[in-house]
C-alpha cells in the first residue's frame, strides 16, 4: 500500500515558490521552516516525500532539482543525492554545489553560488 504524501495538494504552490527563489536576485536559499511559513506548512515546511516527488518530476522533465534551495542549520540541504546530510561530508558539499549550480545555470544565470 502506498503511503499518503502530506500536503500533496500544495505541490504546485511549493514548486512555484521554489522557482521564485531560484529566479530571485539574489537567489534565495531558505531554511525548511522559513519556506514552510511561505507556503503555510508550519512548523517545518514540506516533508521529504513531497520534496522527493517534486525533485523527481523536475529531473524527469530534464530540469534541475530546485529542492536544493532548501537547507538545514548546516546551510546545506537535508538530503543530497538521496542521502541524508545532517552534517554533510565534503563530497556531499561538492555535490550540493554542483546541483545548485545547475539551478543557477537554468534559472538565474550569473548568480553567485553560495554553497562553498
PDB file of N, CA and C in Angstrom:
ATOM      1  N   UNK A   1       0.835  -1.183   0.000  1.00  0.00           N
ATOM      2  CA  UNK A   1       0.000   0.000   0.000  1.00  0.00           C
ATOM      3  C   UNK A   1       0.882   1.249   0.000  1.00  0.00           C
ATOM      4  N   UNK A   2       0.562   2.163  -0.869  1.00  0.00           N
ATOM      5  CA  UNK A   2       1.315   3.412  -0.969  1.00  0.00           C
ATOM      6  C   UNK A   2       0.988   4.341   0.180  1.00  0.00           C
ATOM      7  N   UNK A   3       2.020   4.966   0.685  1.00  0.00           N
ATOM      8  CA  UNK A   3       1.852   5.914   1.778  1.00  0.00           C
ATOM      9  C   UNK A   3       1.384   7.250   1.227  1.00  0.00           C
ATOM     10  N   UNK A   4       0.453   7.872   1.923  1.00  0.00           N
ATOM     11  CA  UNK A   4      -0.069   9.172   1.510  1.00  0.00           C
ATOM     12  C   UNK A   4       1.018  10.243   1.690  1.00  0.00           C
ATOM     13  N   UNK A   5       1.136  11.112   0.716  1.00  0.00           N
ATOM     14  CA  UNK A   5       2.104  12.208   0.788  1.00  0.00           C
ATOM     15  C   UNK A   5       1.395  13.409   1.411  1.00  0.00           C
ATOM     16  N   UNK A   6       1.913  13.866   2.538  1.00  0.00           N
ATOM     17  CA  UNK A   6       1.328  15.019   3.228  1.00  0.00           C
ATOM     18  C   UNK A   6       1.434  16.273   2.378  1.00  0.00           C
ATOM     19  N   UNK A   7       0.372  17.039   2.363  1.00  0.00           N
ATOM     20  CA  UNK A   7       0.302  18.337   1.679  1.00  0.00           C
ATOM     21  C   UNK A   7       0.467  18.231   0.163  1.00  0.00           C
ATOM     22  N   UNK A   8       0.125  17.088  -0.398  1.00  0.00           N
ATOM     23  CA  UNK A   8       0.236  16.889  -1.849  1.00  0.00           C
ATOM     24  C   UNK A   8      -0.555  17.952  -2.615  1.00  0.00           C
ATOM     25  N   UNK A   9      -1.634  18.418  -2.039  1.00  0.00           N
ATOM     26  CA  UNK A   9      -2.453  19.441  -2.694  1.00  0.00           C
ATOM     27  C   UNK A   9      -1.698  20.757  -2.868  1.00  0.00           C
ATOM     28  N   UNK A  10      -0.596  20.941  -2.158  1.00  0.00           N
ATOM     29  CA  UNK A  10       0.191  22.176  -2.269  1.00  0.00           C
ATOM     30  C   UNK A  10       1.414  22.016  -3.171  1.00  0.00           C
ATOM     31  N   UNK A  11       1.509  20.900  -3.862  1.00  0.00           N
ATOM     32  CA  UNK A  11       2.704  20.618  -4.674  1.00  0.00           C
ATOM     33  C   UNK A  11       2.986  21.729  -5.685  1.00  0.00           C
ATOM     34  N   UNK A  12       1.993  22.174  -6.412  1.00  0.00           N
ATOM     35  CA  UNK A  12       2.231  23.204  -7.435  1.00  0.00           C
ATOM     36  C   UNK A  12       2.576  24.554  -6.807  1.00  0.00           C
ATOM     37  N   UNK A  13       1.980  24.875  -5.663  1.00  0.00           N
ATOM     38  CA  UNK A  13       2.345  26.101  -4.939  1.00  0.00           C
ATOM     39  C   UNK A  13       3.804  26.019  -4.497  1.00  0.00           C
ATOM     40  N   UNK A  14       4.200  24.882  -3.951  1.00  0.00           N
ATOM     41  CA  UNK A  14       5.575  24.706  -3.490  1.00  0.00           C
ATOM     42  C   UNK A  14       6.542  24.823  -4.653  1.00  0.00           C
ATOM     43  N   UNK A  15       6.230  24.186  -5.756  1.00  0.00           N
ATOM     44  CA  UNK A  15       7.092  24.275  -6.942  1.00  0.00           C
ATOM     45  C   UNK A  15       7.198  25.721  -7.414  1.00  0.00           C
ATOM     46  N   UNK A  16       6.073  26.428  -7.460  1.00  0.00           N
ATOM     47  CA  UNK A  16       6.078  27.827  -7.906  1.00  0.00           C
ATOM     48  C   UNK A  16       6.920  28.700  -6.968  1.00  0.00           C
ATOM     49  N   UNK A  17       6.816  28.469  -5.680  1.00  0.00           N
ATOM     50  CA  UNK A  17       7.604  29.258  -4.724  1.00  0.00           C
ATOM     51  C   UNK A  17       9.088  28.923  -4.824  1.00  0.00           C
ATOM     52  N   UNK A  18       9.411  27.661  -5.061  1.00  0.00           N
ATOM     53  CA  UNK A  18      10.818  27.296  -5.269  1.00  0.00           C
ATOM     54  C   UNK A  18      11.368  27.970  -6.523  1.00  0.00           C
ATOM     55  N   UNK A  19      10.563  28.051  -7.564  1.00  0.00           N
ATOM     56  CA  UNK A  19      11.008  28.735  -8.782  1.00  0.00           C
ATOM     57  C   UNK A  19      11.211  30.222  -8.533  1.00  0.00           C
ATOM     58  N   UNK A  20      10.361  30.834  -7.704  1.00  0.00           N
ATOM     59  CA  UNK A  20      10.568  32.244  -7.341  1.00  0.00           C
ATOM     60  C   UNK A  20      11.903  32.412  -6.631  1.00  0.00           C
ATOM     61  N   UNK A  21      12.224  31.490  -5.729  1.00  0.00           N
ATOM     62  CA  UNK A  21      13.509  31.537  -5.021  1.00  0.00           C
ATOM     63  C   UNK A  21      14.667  31.395  -6.004  1.00  0.00           C
ATOM     64  N   UNK A  22      14.519  30.490  -6.960  1.00  0.00           N
ATOM     65  CA  UNK A  22      15.578  30.243  -7.938  1.00  0.00           C
ATOM     66  C   UNK A  22      15.828  31.464  -8.817  1.00  0.00           C
ATOM     67  N   UNK A  23      14.786  32.218  -9.102  1.00  0.00           N
ATOM     68  CA  UNK A  23      14.893  33.374 -10.009  1.00  0.00           C
ATOM     69  C   UNK A  23      15.151  34.690  -9.284  1.00  0.00           C
ATOM     70  N   UNK A  24      15.073  34.689  -7.965  1.00  0.00           N
ATOM     71  CA  UNK A  24      15.232  35.922  -7.181  1.00  0.00           C
ATOM     72  C   UNK A  24      16.637  36.487  -7.348  1.00  0.00           C
ATOM     73  N   UNK A  25      16.725  37.800  -7.250  1.00  0.00           N
ATOM     74  CA  UNK A  25      18.013  38.499  -7.307  1.00  0.00           C
ATOM     75  C   UNK A  25      18.248  39.142  -5.948  1.00  0.00           C
ATOM     76  N   UNK A  26      19.124  38.645  -5.112  1.00  0.00           N
ATOM     77  CA  UNK A  26      19.945  37.449  -5.279  1.00  0.00           C
ATOM     78  C   UNK A  26      19.116  36.172  -5.067  1.00  0.00           C
ATOM     79  N   UNK A  27      19.659  35.072  -5.531  1.00  0.00           N
ATOM     80  CA  UNK A  27      18.983  33.788  -5.375  1.00  0.00           C
ATOM     81  C   UNK A  27      18.654  33.572  -3.899  1.00  0.00           C
ATOM     82  N   UNK A  28      17.515  32.979  -3.618  1.00  0.00           N
ATOM     83  CA  UNK A  28      17.094  32.764  -2.232  1.00  0.00           C
ATOM     84  C   UNK A  28      17.322  31.320  -1.818  1.00  0.00           C
ATOM     85  N   UNK A  29      18.107  31.155  -0.779  1.00  0.00           N
ATOM     86  CA  UNK A  29      18.308  29.861  -0.140  1.00  0.00           C
ATOM     87  C   UNK A  29      17.598  29.987   1.207  1.00  0.00           C
ATOM     88  N   UNK A  30      16.598  29.142   1.443  1.00  0.00           N
ATOM     89  CA  UNK A  30      15.781  29.261   2.651  1.00  0.00           C
ATOM     90  C   UNK A  30      15.857  28.011   3.512  1.00  0.00           C
ATOM     91  N   UNK A  31      15.679  28.211   4.807  1.00  0.00           N
ATOM     92  CA  UNK A  31      15.541  27.056   5.693  1.00  0.00           C
ATOM     93  C   UNK A  31      14.190  26.414   5.415  1.00  0.00           C
ATOM     94  N   UNK A  32      14.089  25.146   5.768  1.00  0.00           N
ATOM     95  CA  UNK A  32      12.825  24.439   5.574  1.00  0.00           C
ATOM     96  C   UNK A  32      11.695  25.155   6.320  1.00  0.00           C
ATOM     97  N   UNK A  33      11.961  25.620   7.540  1.00  0.00           N
ATOM     98  CA  UNK A  33      10.898  26.267   8.312  1.00  0.00           C
ATOM     99  C   UNK A  33      10.519  27.629   7.730  1.00  0.00           C
ATOM    100  N   UNK A  34      11.487  28.413   7.255  1.00  0.00           N
ATOM    101  CA  UNK A  34      11.148  29.697   6.621  1.00  0.00           C
ATOM    102  C   UNK A  34      10.340  29.464   5.346  1.00  0.00           C
ATOM    103  N   UNK A  35      10.728  28.460   4.582  1.00  0.00           N
ATOM    104  CA  UNK A  35       9.967  28.138   3.376  1.00  0.00           C
ATOM    105  C   UNK A  35       8.573  27.644   3.761  1.00  0.00           C
ATOM    106  N   UNK A  36       8.497  26.861   4.829  1.00  0.00           N
ATOM    107  CA  UNK A  36       7.206  26.370   5.312  1.00  0.00           C
ATOM    108  C   UNK A  36       6.245  27.503   5.639  1.00  0.00           C
ATOM    109  N   UNK A  37       6.765  28.559   6.232  1.00  0.00           N
ATOM    110  CA  UNK A  37       5.926  29.734   6.515  1.00  0.00           C
ATOM    111  C   UNK A  37       5.403  30.339   5.213  1.00  0.00           C
ATOM    112  N   UNK A  38       6.243  30.374   4.210  1.00  0.00           N
ATOM    113  CA  UNK A  38       5.882  30.960   2.925  1.00  0.00           C
ATOM    114  C   UNK A  38       4.741  30.186   2.260  1.00  0.00           C
ATOM    115  N   UNK A  39       4.758  28.860   2.414  1.00  0.00           N
ATOM    116  CA  UNK A  39       3.726  28.033   1.774  1.00  0.00           C
ATOM    117  C   UNK A  39       2.684  27.533   2.774  1.00  0.00           C
ATOM    118  N   UNK A  40       2.726  28.084   3.961  1.00  0.00           N
ATOM    119  CA  UNK A  40       1.768  27.797   5.032  1.00  0.00           C
ATOM    120  C   UNK A  40       1.748  26.323   5.427  1.00  0.00           C
ATOM    121  N   UNK A  41       2.951  25.761   5.564  1.00  0.00           N
ATOM    122  CA  UNK A  41       3.121  24.430   6.125  1.00  0.00           C
ATOM    123  C   UNK A  41       4.107  24.598   7.280  1.00  0.00           C
ATOM    124  N   UNK A  42       3.555  24.811   8.459  1.00  0.00           N
ATOM    125  CA  UNK A  42       4.421  25.071   9.609  1.00  0.00           C
ATOM    126  C   UNK A  42       4.290  23.926  10.611  1.00  0.00           C
ATOM    127  N   UNK A  43       5.281  23.669  11.432  1.00  0.00           N
ATOM    128  CA  UNK A  43       6.468  24.480  11.675  1.00  0.00           C
ATOM    129  C   UNK A  43       7.675  24.128  10.809  1.00  0.00           C
ATOM    130  N   UNK A  44       7.683  22.938  10.141  1.00  0.00           N
ATOM    131  CA  UNK A  44       8.926  22.511   9.500  1.00  0.00           C
ATOM    132  C   UNK A  44       8.928  22.543   7.988  1.00  0.00           C
ATOM    133  N   UNK A  45       7.875  22.976   7.366  1.00  0.00           N
ATOM    134  CA  UNK A  45       7.846  23.026   5.914  1.00  0.00           C
ATOM    135  C   UNK A  45       7.423  21.705   5.297  1.00  0.00           C
ATOM    136  N   UNK A  46       7.483  21.627   3.962  1.00  0.00           N
ATOM    137  CA  UNK A  46       7.070  20.406   3.262  1.00  0.00           C
ATOM    138  C   UNK A  46       7.921  19.215   3.684  1.00  0.00           C
ATOM    139  N   UNK A  47       7.301  18.054   3.716  1.00  0.00           N
ATOM    140  CA  UNK A  47       8.005  16.844   4.110  1.00  0.00           C
ATOM    141  C   UNK A  47       8.863  16.258   3.002  1.00  0.00           C
ATOM    142  N   UNK A  48       9.697  15.316   3.397  1.00  0.00           N
ATOM    143  CA  UNK A  48      10.634  14.671   2.492  1.00  0.00           C
ATOM    144  C   UNK A  48       9.936  14.031   1.298  1.00  0.00           C
ATOM    145  N   UNK A  49       8.834  13.334   1.536  1.00  0.00           N
ATOM    146  CA  UNK A  49       8.154  12.630   0.435  1.00  0.00           C
ATOM    147  C   UNK A  49       7.689  13.607  -0.644  1.00  0.00           C
ATOM    148  N   UNK A  50       7.153  14.747  -0.234  1.00  0.00           N
ATOM    149  CA  UNK A  50       6.673  15.738  -1.200  1.00  0.00           C
ATOM    150  C   UNK A  50       7.843  16.383  -1.937  1.00  0.00           C
ATOM    151  N   UNK A  51       8.901  16.713  -1.225  1.00  0.00           N
ATOM    152  CA  UNK A  51      10.072  17.303  -1.878  1.00  0.00           C
ATOM    153  C   UNK A  51      10.738  16.300  -2.816  1.00  0.00           C
ATOM    154  N   UNK A  52      10.772  15.028  -2.414  1.00  0.00           N
ATOM    155  CA  UNK A  52      11.323  13.997  -3.302  1.00  0.00           C
ATOM    156  C   UNK A  52      10.503  13.889  -4.587  1.00  0.00           C
ATOM    157  N   UNK A  53       9.187  13.977  -4.460  1.00  0.00           N
ATOM    158  CA  UNK A  53       8.315  13.920  -5.638  1.00  0.00           C
ATOM    159  C   UNK A  53       8.595  15.086  -6.577  1.00  0.00           C
ATOM    160  N   UNK A  54       8.706  16.289  -6.028  1.00  0.00           N
ATOM    161  CA  UNK A  54       8.995  17.473  -6.847  1.00  0.00           C
ATOM    162  C   UNK A  54      10.362  17.314  -7.523  1.00  0.00           C
ATOM    163  N   UNK A  55      11.356  16.869  -6.777  1.00  0.00           N
ATOM    164  CA  UNK A  55      12.702  16.685  -7.345  1.00  0.00           C
ATOM    165  C   UNK A  55      12.664  15.674  -8.492  1.00  0.00           C
ATOM    166  N   UNK A  56      11.959  14.577  -8.288  1.00  0.00           N
ATOM    167  CA  UNK A  56      11.851  13.533  -9.329  1.00  0.00           C
ATOM    168  C   UNK A  56      11.172  14.078 -10.573  1.00  0.00           C
ATOM    169  N   UNK A  57      10.085  14.829 -10.380  1.00  0.00           N
ATOM    170  CA  UNK A  57       9.368  15.388 -11.533  1.00  0.00           C
ATOM    171  C   UNK A  57      10.237  16.390 -12.289  1.00  0.00           C
ATOM    172  N   UNK A  58      10.988  17.204 -11.574  1.00  0.00           N
ATOM    173  CA  UNK A  58      11.882  18.154 -12.244  1.00  0.00           C
ATOM    174  C   UNK A  58      12.910  17.386 -13.080  1.00  0.00           C
ATOM    175  N   UNK A  59      13.536  16.397 -12.475  1.00  0.00           N
ATOM    176  CA  UNK A  59      14.532  15.595 -13.198  1.00  0.00           C
ATOM    177  C   UNK A  59      13.916  14.855 -14.378  1.00  0.00           C
ATOM    178  N   UNK A  60      12.687  14.341 -14.222  1.00  0.00           N
ATOM    179  CA  UNK A  60      12.015  13.639 -15.321  1.00  0.00           C
ATOM    180  C   UNK A  60      11.786  14.550 -16.525  1.00  0.00           C
ATOM    181  N   UNK A  61      11.696  15.863 -16.282  1.00  0.00           N
ATOM    182  CA  UNK A  61      11.500  16.838 -17.357  1.00  0.00           C
ATOM    183  C   UNK A  61      12.808  17.533 -17.747  1.00  0.00           C
ATOM    184  N   UNK A  62      13.940  16.894 -17.386  1.00  0.00           N
ATOM    185  CA  UNK A  62      15.272  17.421 -17.688  1.00  0.00           C
ATOM    186  C   UNK A  62      15.490  18.827 -17.126  1.00  0.00           C
ATOM    187  N   UNK A  63      14.895  19.075 -15.960  1.00  0.00           N
ATOM    188  CA  UNK A  63      15.122  20.336 -15.248  1.00  0.00           C
ATOM    189  C   UNK A  63      15.892  20.029 -13.971  1.00  0.00           C
ATOM    190  N   UNK A  64      16.668  21.005 -13.474  1.00  0.00           N
ATOM    191  CA  UNK A  64      17.434  20.765 -12.251  1.00  0.00           C
ATOM    192  C   UNK A  64      16.523  20.644 -11.028  1.00  0.00           C
ATOM    193  N   UNK A  65      17.047  19.996 -10.012  1.00  0.00           N
ATOM    194  CA  UNK A  65      16.325  19.777  -8.761  1.00  0.00           C
ATOM    195  C   UNK A  65      16.292  21.066  -7.939  1.00  0.00           C
ATOM    196  N   UNK A  66      15.162  21.760  -7.975  1.00  0.00           N
ATOM    197  CA  UNK A  66      15.019  23.036  -7.277  1.00  0.00           C
ATOM    198  C   UNK A  66      14.873  22.880  -5.764  1.00  0.00           C
ATOM    199  N   UNK A  67      14.680  21.663  -5.282  1.00  0.00           N
ATOM    200  CA  UNK A  67      14.566  21.478  -3.832  1.00  0.00           C
ATOM    201  C   UNK A  67      15.904  21.699  -3.133  1.00  0.00           C
ATOM    202  N   UNK A  68      16.992  21.797  -3.883  1.00  0.00           N
ATOM    203  CA  UNK A  68      18.310  22.068  -3.318  1.00  0.00           C
ATOM    204  C   UNK A  68      18.361  23.466  -2.689  1.00  0.00           C
ATOM    205  N   UNK A  69      17.358  24.289  -2.965  1.00  0.00           N
ATOM    206  CA  UNK A  69      17.290  25.647  -2.410  1.00  0.00           C
ATOM    207  C   UNK A  69      16.878  25.667  -0.944  1.00  0.00           C
ATOM    208  N   UNK A  70      16.454  24.536  -0.414  1.00  0.00           N
ATOM    209  CA  UNK A  70      16.024  24.454   0.980  1.00  0.00           C
ATOM    210  C   UNK A  70      17.118  23.801   1.810  1.00  0.00           C
ATOM    211  N   UNK A  71      17.451  24.435   2.935  1.00  0.00           N
ATOM    212  CA  UNK A  71      18.599  23.976   3.720  1.00  0.00           C
ATOM    213  C   UNK A  71      18.271  23.794   5.198  1.00  0.00           C
ATOM    214  N   UNK A  72      19.121  23.035   5.845  1.00  0.00           N
ATOM    215  CA  UNK A  72      19.062  22.818   7.294  1.00  0.00           C
ATOM    216  C   UNK A  72      20.018  23.807   7.967  1.00  0.00           C
ATOM    217  N   UNK A  73      20.202  23.651   9.270  1.00  0.00           N
ATOM    218  CA  UNK A  73      21.095  24.528  10.028  1.00  0.00           C
ATOM    219  C   UNK A  73      22.522  24.505   9.511  1.00  0.00           C
ATOM    220  N   UNK A  74      22.911  23.413   8.871  1.00  0.00           N
ATOM    221  CA  UNK A  74      24.261  23.294   8.318  1.00  0.00           C
ATOM    222  C   UNK A  74      24.487  24.250   7.153  1.00  0.00           C
ATOM    223  N   UNK A  75      23.378  24.800   6.602  1.00  0.00           N
ATOM    224  CA  UNK A  75      23.475  25.648   5.415  1.00  0.00           C
ATOM    225  C   UNK A  75      23.396  24.857   4.127  1.00  0.00           C
ATOM    226  N   UNK A  76      23.189  23.546   4.242  1.00  0.00           N
ATOM    227  CA  UNK A  76      23.082  22.650   3.091  1.00  0.00           C
ATOM    228  C   UNK A  76      21.759  21.892   3.161  1.00  0.00           C
ATOM    229  N   UNK A  77      21.325  21.352   2.022  1.00  0.00           N
ATOM    230  CA  UNK A  77      20.084  20.575   2.027  1.00  0.00           C
ATOM    231  C   UNK A  77      20.144  19.416   3.021  1.00  0.00           C
ATOM    232  N   UNK A  78      18.995  19.019   3.517  1.00  0.00           N
ATOM    233  CA  UNK A  78      18.911  17.908   4.460  1.00  0.00           C
ATOM    234  C   UNK A  78      19.121  16.565   3.799  1.00  0.00           C
ATOM    235  N   UNK A  79      19.134  16.559   2.477  1.00  0.00           N
ATOM    236  CA  UNK A  79      19.354  15.338   1.709  1.00  0.00           C
ATOM    237  C   UNK A  79      20.096  15.744   0.438  1.00  0.00           C
ATOM    238  N   UNK A  80      21.162  15.037   0.139  1.00  0.00           N
ATOM    239  CA  UNK A  80      21.937  15.315  -1.066  1.00  0.00           C
ATOM    240  C   UNK A  80      22.106  13.995  -1.802  1.00  0.00           C
ATOM    241  N   UNK A  81      21.644  13.949  -3.044  1.00  0.00           N
ATOM    242  CA  UNK A  81      21.692  12.719  -3.844  1.00  0.00           C
ATOM    243  C   UNK A  81      20.993  11.558  -3.145  1.00  0.00           C
ATOM    244  N   UNK A  82      19.893  11.856  -2.464  1.00  0.00           N
ATOM    245  CA  UNK A  82      19.109  10.810  -1.833  1.00  0.00           C
ATOM    246  C   UNK A  82      19.653  10.315  -0.508  1.00  0.00           C
ATOM    247  N   UNK A  83      20.729  10.922  -0.024  1.00  0.00           N
ATOM    248  CA  UNK A  83      21.338  10.518   1.247  1.00  0.00           C
ATOM    249  C   UNK A  83      21.201  11.662   2.236  1.00  0.00           C
ATOM    250  N   UNK A  84      20.668  11.351   3.421  1.00  0.00           N
ATOM    251  CA  UNK A  84      20.511  12.385   4.448  1.00  0.00           C
ATOM    252  C   UNK A  84      21.850  13.034   4.753  1.00  0.00           C
ATOM    253  N   UNK A  85      21.795  14.322   5.061  1.00  0.00           N
ATOM    254  CA  UNK A  85      23.043  15.072   5.262  1.00  0.00           C
ATOM    255  C   UNK A  85      22.920  16.062   6.403  1.00  0.00           C
ATOM    256  N   UNK A  86      22.653  15.561   7.608  1.00  0.00           N
ATOM    257  CA  UNK A  86      22.550  16.451   8.764  1.00  0.00           C
ATOM    258  C   UNK A  86      23.835  17.277   8.897  1.00  0.00           C
ATOM    259  N   UNK A  87      24.956  16.586   8.831  1.00  0.00           N
ATOM    260  CA  UNK A  87      26.275  17.239   8.770  1.00  0.00           C
ATOM    261  C   UNK A  87      26.910  16.715   7.482  1.00  0.00           C
ATOM    262  N   UNK A  88      26.814  17.499   6.396  1.00  0.00           N
ATOM    263  CA  UNK A  88      27.273  16.977   5.104  1.00  0.00           C
ATOM    264  C   UNK A  88      28.779  16.718   5.060  1.00  0.00           C
ATOM    265  N   UNK A  89      29.117  15.603   4.461  1.00  0.00           N
ATOM    266  CA  UNK A  89      30.519  15.251   4.222  1.00  0.00           C
ATOM    267  C   UNK A  89      31.055  16.140   3.103  1.00  0.00           C
ATOM    268  N   UNK A  90      32.367  16.278   3.001  1.00  0.00           N
ATOM    269  CA  UNK A  90      32.942  17.120   1.940  1.00  0.00           C
ATOM    270  C   UNK A  90      32.423  16.765   0.549  1.00  0.00           C
ATOM    271  N   UNK A  91      32.293  15.481   0.250  1.00  0.00           N
ATOM    272  CA  UNK A  91      31.795  15.072  -1.069  1.00  0.00           C
ATOM    273  C   UNK A  91      30.343  15.514  -1.265  1.00  0.00           C
ATOM    274  N   UNK A  92      29.534  15.467  -0.201  1.00  0.00           N
ATOM    275  CA  UNK A  92      28.147  15.915  -0.299  1.00  0.00           C
ATOM    276  C   UNK A  92      28.095  17.423  -0.554  1.00  0.00           C
ATOM    277  N   UNK A  93      28.986  18.172   0.060  1.00  0.00           N
ATOM    278  CA  UNK A  93      29.033  19.619  -0.173  1.00  0.00           C
ATOM    279  C   UNK A  93      29.365  19.914  -1.638  1.00  0.00           C
ATOM    280  N   UNK A  94      30.286  19.145  -2.191  1.00  0.00           N
ATOM    281  CA  UNK A  94      30.643  19.312  -3.607  1.00  0.00           C
ATOM    282  C   UNK A  94      29.425  19.017  -4.482  1.00  0.00           C
ATOM    283  N   UNK A  95      28.700  17.933  -4.179  1.00  0.00           N
ATOM    284  CA  UNK A  95      27.503  17.563  -4.956  1.00  0.00           C
ATOM    285  C   UNK A  95      26.414  18.628  -4.808  1.00  0.00           C
ATOM    286  N   UNK A  96      26.228  19.150  -3.593  1.00  0.00           N
ATOM    287  CA  UNK A  96      25.215  20.185  -3.380  1.00  0.00           C
ATOM    288  C   UNK A  96      25.552  21.429  -4.199  1.00  0.00           C
ATOM    289  N   UNK A  97      26.825  21.805  -4.216  1.00  0.00           N
ATOM    290  CA  UNK A  97      27.248  22.968  -5.005  1.00  0.00           C
ATOM    291  C   UNK A  97      26.978  22.732  -6.490  1.00  0.00           C
ATOM    292  N   UNK A  98      27.282  21.529  -6.969  1.00  0.00           N
ATOM    293  CA  UNK A  98      27.038  21.206  -8.380  1.00  0.00           C
ATOM    294  C   UNK A  98      25.545  21.264  -8.696  1.00  0.00           C
ATOM    295  N   UNK A  99      24.724  20.700  -7.821  1.00  0.00           N
ATOM    296  CA  UNK A  99      23.280  20.703  -8.047  1.00  0.00           C
ATOM    297  C   UNK A  99      22.726  22.133  -8.021  1.00  0.00           C
ATOM    298  N   UNK A 100      23.222  22.962  -7.091  1.00  0.00           N
ATOM    299  CA  UNK A 100      22.764  24.350  -7.053  1.00  0.00           C
ATOM    300  C   UNK A 100      23.238  25.098  -8.292  1.00  0.00           C
ATOM    301  N   UNK A 101      24.432  24.798  -8.771  1.00  0.00           N
ATOM    302  CA  UNK A 101      24.922  25.459  -9.988  1.00  0.00           C
ATOM    303  C   UNK A 101      24.033  25.133 -11.175  1.00  0.00           C
ATOM    304  N   UNK A 102      23.515  23.915 -11.230  1.00  0.00           N
ATOM    305  CA  UNK A 102      22.579  23.549 -12.301  1.00  0.00           C
ATOM    306  C   UNK A 102      21.331  24.419 -12.236  1.00  0.00           C
ATOM    307  N   UNK A 103      20.838  24.673 -11.027  1.00  0.00           N
ATOM    308  CA  UNK A 103      19.670  25.549 -10.856  1.00  0.00           C
ATOM    309  C   UNK A 103      20.017  26.960 -11.316  1.00  0.00           C
ATOM    310  N   UNK A 104      21.170  27.459 -10.888  1.00  0.00           N
ATOM    311  CA  UNK A 104      21.608  28.803 -11.265  1.00  0.00           C
ATOM    312  C   UNK A 104      21.742  28.923 -12.780  1.00  0.00           C
ATOM    313  N   UNK A 105      22.344  27.951 -13.412  1.00  0.00           N
ATOM    314  CA  UNK A 105      22.564  27.992 -14.865  1.00  0.00           C
ATOM    315  C   UNK A 105      21.253  28.054 -15.646  1.00  0.00           C
ATOM    316  N   UNK A 106      20.209  27.457 -15.117  1.00  0.00           N
ATOM    317  CA  UNK A 106      18.917  27.455 -15.809  1.00  0.00           C
ATOM    318  C   UNK A 106      18.064  28.666 -15.430  1.00  0.00           C
ATOM    319  N   UNK A 107      18.008  29.008 -14.146  1.00  0.00           N
ATOM    320  CA  UNK A 107      17.035  29.994 -13.682  1.00  0.00           C
ATOM    321  C   UNK A 107      17.616  31.349 -13.270  1.00  0.00           C
ATOM    322  N   UNK A 108      18.931  31.450 -13.069  1.00  0.00           N
ATOM    323  CA  UNK A 108      19.489  32.685 -12.530  1.00  0.00           C
ATOM    324  C   UNK A 108      20.947  32.836 -12.969  1.00  0.00           C
ATOM    325  N   UNK A 109      21.139  32.739 -14.269  1.00  0.00           N
ATOM    326  CA  UNK A 109      22.490  32.752 -14.850  1.00  0.00           C
ATOM    327  C   UNK A 109      23.313  33.922 -14.296  1.00  0.00           C
ATOM    328  N   UNK A 110      24.537  33.569 -13.859  1.00  0.00           N
ATOM    329  CA  UNK A 110      25.468  34.582 -13.348  1.00  0.00           C
ATOM    330  C   UNK A 110      25.382  34.806 -11.849  1.00  0.00           C
ATOM    331  N   UNK A 111      24.360  34.273 -11.195  1.00  0.00           N
ATOM    332  CA  UNK A 111      24.245  34.447  -9.745  1.00  0.00           C
ATOM    333  C   UNK A 111      25.380  33.706  -9.052  1.00  0.00           C
ATOM    334  N   UNK A 112      25.892  34.267  -7.946  1.00  0.00           N
ATOM    335  CA  UNK A 112      26.927  33.534  -7.218  1.00  0.00           C
ATOM    336  C   UNK A 112      26.339  32.290  -6.539  1.00  0.00           C
ATOM    337  N   UNK A 113      27.144  31.268  -6.455  1.00  0.00           N
ATOM    338  CA  UNK A 113      26.728  30.024  -5.818  1.00  0.00           C
ATOM    339  C   UNK A 113      27.158  30.088  -4.346  1.00  0.00           C
ATOM    340  N   UNK A 114      26.201  30.177  -3.426  1.00  0.00           N
ATOM    341  CA  UNK A 114      26.572  30.326  -2.014  1.00  0.00           C
ATOM    342  C   UNK A 114      27.090  29.053  -1.347  1.00  0.00           C
ATOM    343  N   UNK A 115      26.960  27.901  -2.001  1.00  0.00           N
ATOM    344  CA  UNK A 115      27.496  26.674  -1.418  1.00  0.00           C
ATOM    345  C   UNK A 115      28.983  26.614  -1.727  1.00  0.00           C
ATOM    346  N   UNK A 116      29.794  26.644  -0.691  1.00  0.00           N
ATOM    347  CA  UNK A 116      31.266  26.650  -0.881  1.00  0.00           C
ATOM    348  C   UNK A 116      31.855  25.280  -0.689  1.00  0.00           C
TER     349      UNK A 116
END
